[in-house]
Amino acid sequence: MEKKWRCTVCGYVHTGENPPEICPVCGVDSTFFELVTEEKDVTPPTSGVVAPKPVTSQLDKPAAIRQALYRISYGLFIITAQADGKDNGQCANTCFQITSEPARIAIGINKQNYTHELIQKSGKFGVSVLSQTGQDYARGFGYRTGREVNKFEGVAVHRGESGVLLLDDVLVTMEATVTGQLDAGTHTLFLGDVTAGEILQEGDPMTYAFFRASK
């Protein structure tokens, strides 16, 4: 039976003899993966509400930190960028509002990703918020690099006011201009002022918990 490895940051499950060098979804390295045993079911419950249970024993400090981070709730977004006539996009779980006046958001992007390079060159990025039917977009934009493939092939998109490509089949889109950035080690936290937004669909946004339960 093949081994299953779970990313303790985002919950992505990898099948293989060893964990991946880099998580294709959130970008952390292999040290953040844990081997999933038979006792640790990789499929979360899909229905019903489970009452919380008290924990009788504590893990060691590093393991406790990893498990605490694993329980933070995340959304799923397609972050896009364009520079020097080239487009790319990636799946990301870090996008959140900072202020409402002005409208300002922040995104976390792995430094090794092609999208990171394009954002730094252009100073702009787009955000497409996935609905709960967006599993294929999460896989298509999350498990491969734009340096080798055109992730937009076969995907319905349009260009926003800033020139970045935005997905059509999503709940909402936003465009932002970078106003600051923070070096966060493996990632850069980009701060951006929102310059445009669209409401395209009504529905519930995709979360990691929903993605894992429905994939």
Protein backbone atom coordinates (compact mmCIF):
# COMPACT_ATOMS: atom_id res chain seq x y z
CA MET A 1 0.00 0.00 0.00
CA GLU A 2 1.36 3.42 -0.96
CA LYS A 3 2.13 5.84 1.82
CA LYS A 4 0.11 9.00 2.30
CA TRP A 5 1.68 12.21 3.55
CA ARG A 6 -0.32 15.16 4.83
CA CYS A 7 0.81 18.78 4.81
CA THR A 8 0.34 19.99 8.37
CA VAL A 9 -0.09 23.57 7.18
CA CYS A 10 -2.79 23.28 4.51
CA GLY A 11 -3.92 19.64 4.67
CA TYR A 12 -2.86 18.62 1.15
CA VAL A 13 -2.42 14.84 0.93
CA HIS A 14 0.42 13.38 -1.15
CA THR A 15 0.67 9.71 -2.14
CA GLY A 16 4.13 8.23 -2.57
CA GLU A 17 7.09 6.63 -0.84
CA ASN A 18 8.33 10.03 0.38
CA PRO A 19 6.71 13.44 0.94
CA PRO A 20 7.09 16.02 -1.85
CA GLU A 21 10.00 18.44 -1.59
CA ILE A 22 7.54 21.34 -1.70
CA CYS A 23 3.79 21.34 -1.05
CA PRO A 24 2.17 22.13 -4.44
CA VAL A 25 -0.64 24.05 -2.72
CA CYS A 26 0.86 26.19 0.04
CA GLY A 27 4.57 25.94 -0.80
CA VAL A 28 6.05 24.69 2.50
CA ASP A 29 8.90 22.17 2.38
CA SER A 30 8.87 18.44 3.14
CA THR A 31 9.54 18.91 6.86
CA PHE A 32 5.94 20.08 7.26
CA PHE A 33 4.55 16.72 6.04
CA GLU A 34 3.47 13.94 8.40
CA LEU A 35 2.92 10.29 7.53
CA VAL A 36 -0.77 9.46 7.68
CA THR A 37 -1.39 6.22 9.55
CA GLU A 38 -4.49 4.06 9.48
CA GLU A 39 -5.59 5.72 12.68
CA LYS A 40 -5.41 9.13 11.02
CA ASP A 41 -8.11 9.04 8.39
CA VAL A 42 -7.32 11.41 5.49
CA THR A 43 -11.02 11.96 4.76
CA PRO A 44 -12.71 14.55 7.00
CA PRO A 45 -16.41 14.18 7.83
CA THR A 46 -18.68 15.47 5.08
CA SER A 47 -21.86 16.00 7.06
CA GLY A 48 -23.10 16.61 10.55
CA VAL A 49 -21.58 18.59 13.38
CA VAL A 50 -19.06 16.83 15.60
CA ALA A 51 -18.86 18.09 19.16
CA PRO A 52 -15.32 19.02 20.27
CA LYS A 53 -13.60 16.63 22.64
CA PRO A 54 -11.08 17.61 25.31
CA VAL A 55 -7.47 16.55 24.71
CA THR A 56 -6.08 14.48 27.56
CA SER A 57 -2.40 14.50 26.53
CA GLN A 58 -0.27 17.12 24.84
CA LEU A 59 2.12 16.66 21.92
CA ASP A 60 5.70 17.89 22.06
CA LYS A 61 6.05 21.60 21.33
CA PRO A 62 7.00 21.45 17.59
CA ALA A 63 4.22 18.93 16.86
CA ALA A 64 1.70 20.98 18.83
CA ILE A 65 2.59 24.10 16.84
CA ARG A 66 2.18 22.24 13.54
CA GLN A 67 -1.17 20.82 14.59
CA ALA A 68 -2.34 24.22 15.84
CA LEU A 69 -1.50 25.78 12.47
CA TYR A 70 -3.23 22.92 10.68
CA ARG A 71 -6.50 23.83 12.39
CA ILE A 72 -6.57 27.41 11.11
CA SER A 73 -9.32 27.80 8.54
CA TYR A 74 -8.32 28.82 5.00
CA GLY A 75 -10.03 29.82 1.80
CA LEU A 76 -8.83 28.93 -1.69
CA PHE A 77 -7.99 31.60 -4.24
CA ILE A 78 -6.42 31.84 -7.68
CA ILE A 79 -3.78 34.59 -7.61
CA THR A 80 -2.84 35.91 -11.07
CA ALA A 81 -0.15 38.23 -12.38
CA GLN A 82 1.16 39.59 -15.68
CA ALA A 83 4.53 41.06 -16.63
CA ASP A 84 6.59 41.37 -19.81
CA GLY A 85 3.71 39.97 -21.84
CA LYS A 86 3.54 36.77 -19.76
CA ASP A 87 0.63 35.58 -17.60
CA ASN A 88 0.54 33.13 -14.75
CA GLY A 89 -1.66 32.09 -11.88
CA GLN A 90 -1.46 29.87 -8.85
CA CYS A 91 -3.69 28.49 -6.14
CA ALA A 92 -3.13 30.13 -2.75
CA ASN A 93 -4.70 29.96 0.66
CA THR A 94 -3.51 33.30 2.03
CA CYS A 95 -5.65 36.27 1.08
CA PHE A 96 -7.25 38.49 3.65
CA GLN A 97 -8.56 41.99 4.14
CA ILE A 98 -6.39 44.45 6.05
CA THR A 99 -8.48 47.64 5.94
CA SER A 100 -11.73 48.81 4.38
CA GLU A 101 -10.74 52.48 3.96
CA PRO A 102 -8.78 52.24 1.78
CA ALA A 103 -9.72 48.78 0.54
CA ARG A 104 -6.52 46.86 1.22
CA ILE A 105 -5.70 43.15 1.16
CA ALA A 106 -2.67 40.93 1.68
CA ILE A 107 -1.58 37.72 -0.05
CA GLY A 108 1.17 35.22 0.79
CA ILE A 109 3.15 33.84 -2.16
CA ASN A 110 6.02 31.34 -2.17
CA LYS A 111 9.23 32.94 -3.46
CA GLN A 112 9.94 29.98 -5.76
CA ASN A 113 6.65 30.37 -7.62
CA TYR A 114 6.50 31.99 -11.05
CA THR A 115 3.60 34.16 -9.89
CA HIS A 116 5.87 35.67 -7.24
CA GLU A 117 8.33 36.73 -9.93
CA LEU A 118 5.60 38.37 -12.03
CA ILE A 119 4.11 40.23 -9.06
CA GLN A 120 7.48 41.66 -8.12
CA LYS A 121 8.07 42.82 -11.71
CA SER A 122 4.65 44.36 -12.28
CA GLY A 123 3.60 45.47 -8.80
CA LYS A 124 0.08 44.18 -9.48
CA PHE A 125 -1.95 41.04 -8.89
CA GLY A 126 -5.44 39.64 -9.31
CA VAL A 127 -7.53 37.49 -6.97
CA SER A 128 -10.28 35.11 -8.12
CA VAL A 129 -12.33 33.69 -5.23
CA LEU A 130 -13.30 30.07 -5.92
CA SER A 131 -16.77 28.71 -5.29
CA GLN A 132 -17.43 25.23 -3.93
CA THR A 133 -17.47 23.91 -7.51
CA GLY A 134 -13.92 25.11 -8.16
CA GLN A 135 -12.00 21.90 -7.36
CA ASP A 136 -10.62 21.60 -10.90
CA TYR A 137 -9.30 25.17 -10.77
CA ALA A 138 -7.56 24.48 -7.45
CA ARG A 139 -5.88 21.41 -8.95
CA GLY A 140 -5.03 23.01 -12.30
CA PHE A 141 -3.48 26.12 -10.80
CA GLY A 142 -1.99 24.42 -7.74
CA TYR A 143 -0.20 21.24 -8.76
CA ARG A 144 2.11 22.41 -11.58
CA THR A 145 4.34 25.32 -12.50
CA GLY A 146 3.51 28.04 -14.99
CA ARG A 147 7.13 28.01 -16.15
CA GLU A 148 6.38 24.72 -17.94
CA VAL A 149 2.68 24.83 -18.85
CA ASN A 150 -0.01 27.35 -19.75
CA LYS A 151 -2.39 27.04 -16.83
CA PHE A 152 -5.02 29.16 -18.58
CA GLU A 153 -5.45 26.76 -21.51
CA GLY A 154 -9.11 25.76 -21.69
CA VAL A 155 -10.08 28.08 -18.83
CA ALA A 156 -12.61 30.88 -19.36
CA VAL A 157 -10.87 34.13 -18.40
CA HIS A 158 -10.97 37.85 -19.06
CA ARG A 159 -8.51 40.70 -18.56
CA GLY A 160 -9.13 43.14 -15.80
CA GLU A 161 -8.50 46.87 -15.80
CA SER A 162 -4.91 46.30 -14.63
CA GLY A 163 -4.19 43.81 -17.40
CA VAL A 164 -4.13 40.67 -15.24
CA LEU A 165 -6.17 37.64 -16.25
CA LEU A 166 -9.16 36.83 -14.04
CA LEU A 167 -11.28 33.69 -14.01
CA ASP A 168 -14.88 33.87 -15.25
CA ASP A 169 -16.32 30.93 -13.29
CA VAL A 170 -15.72 32.27 -9.78
CA LEU A 171 -17.63 34.15 -7.12
CA VAL A 172 -15.74 37.44 -7.22
CA THR A 173 -12.54 38.94 -8.57
CA MET A 174 -10.31 41.71 -7.31
CA GLU A 175 -7.32 43.57 -8.70
CA ALA A 176 -4.70 45.20 -6.53
CA THR A 177 -1.60 47.35 -6.73
CA VAL A 178 1.25 46.38 -4.43
CA THR A 179 1.92 49.02 -1.78
CA GLY A 180 4.30 47.05 0.41
CA GLN A 181 5.83 43.66 1.04
CA LEU A 182 7.18 41.69 3.97
CA ASP A 183 9.86 39.02 3.74
CA ALA A 184 8.39 35.99 5.53
CA GLY A 185 11.16 33.49 4.86
CA THR A 186 9.96 31.04 2.20
CA HIS A 187 7.12 33.42 1.29
CA THR A 188 6.54 37.11 0.64
CA LEU A 189 3.50 38.81 2.11
CA PHE A 190 2.33 41.32 -0.49
CA LEU A 191 0.17 44.23 0.67
CA GLY A 192 -2.07 45.67 -2.03
CA ASP A 193 -4.67 48.40 -2.49
CA VAL A 194 -7.74 47.05 -4.29
CA THR A 195 -8.32 49.00 -7.50
CA ALA A 196 -11.20 46.99 -9.02
CA GLY A 197 -13.67 44.28 -8.11
CA GLU A 198 -16.40 42.20 -9.75
CA ILE A 199 -19.29 40.17 -8.34
CA LEU A 200 -19.79 37.31 -10.81
CA GLN A 201 -21.72 34.61 -8.92
CA GLU A 202 -23.71 34.00 -5.77
CA GLY A 203 -22.62 31.09 -3.62
CA ASP A 204 -20.35 29.88 -0.84
CA PRO A 205 -16.57 30.23 -1.14
CA MET A 206 -14.28 27.21 -1.29
CA THR A 207 -12.37 26.33 1.87
CA TYR A 208 -9.59 23.81 2.38
CA ALA A 209 -11.85 21.69 4.58
CA PHE A 210 -14.47 21.51 1.82
CA PHE A 211 -11.81 20.85 -0.84
CA ARG A 212 -10.32 17.92 1.09
CA ALA A 213 -13.75 16.44 1.79
CA SER A 214 -14.92 16.66 -1.82
CA LYS A 215 -11.80 15.79 -3.85
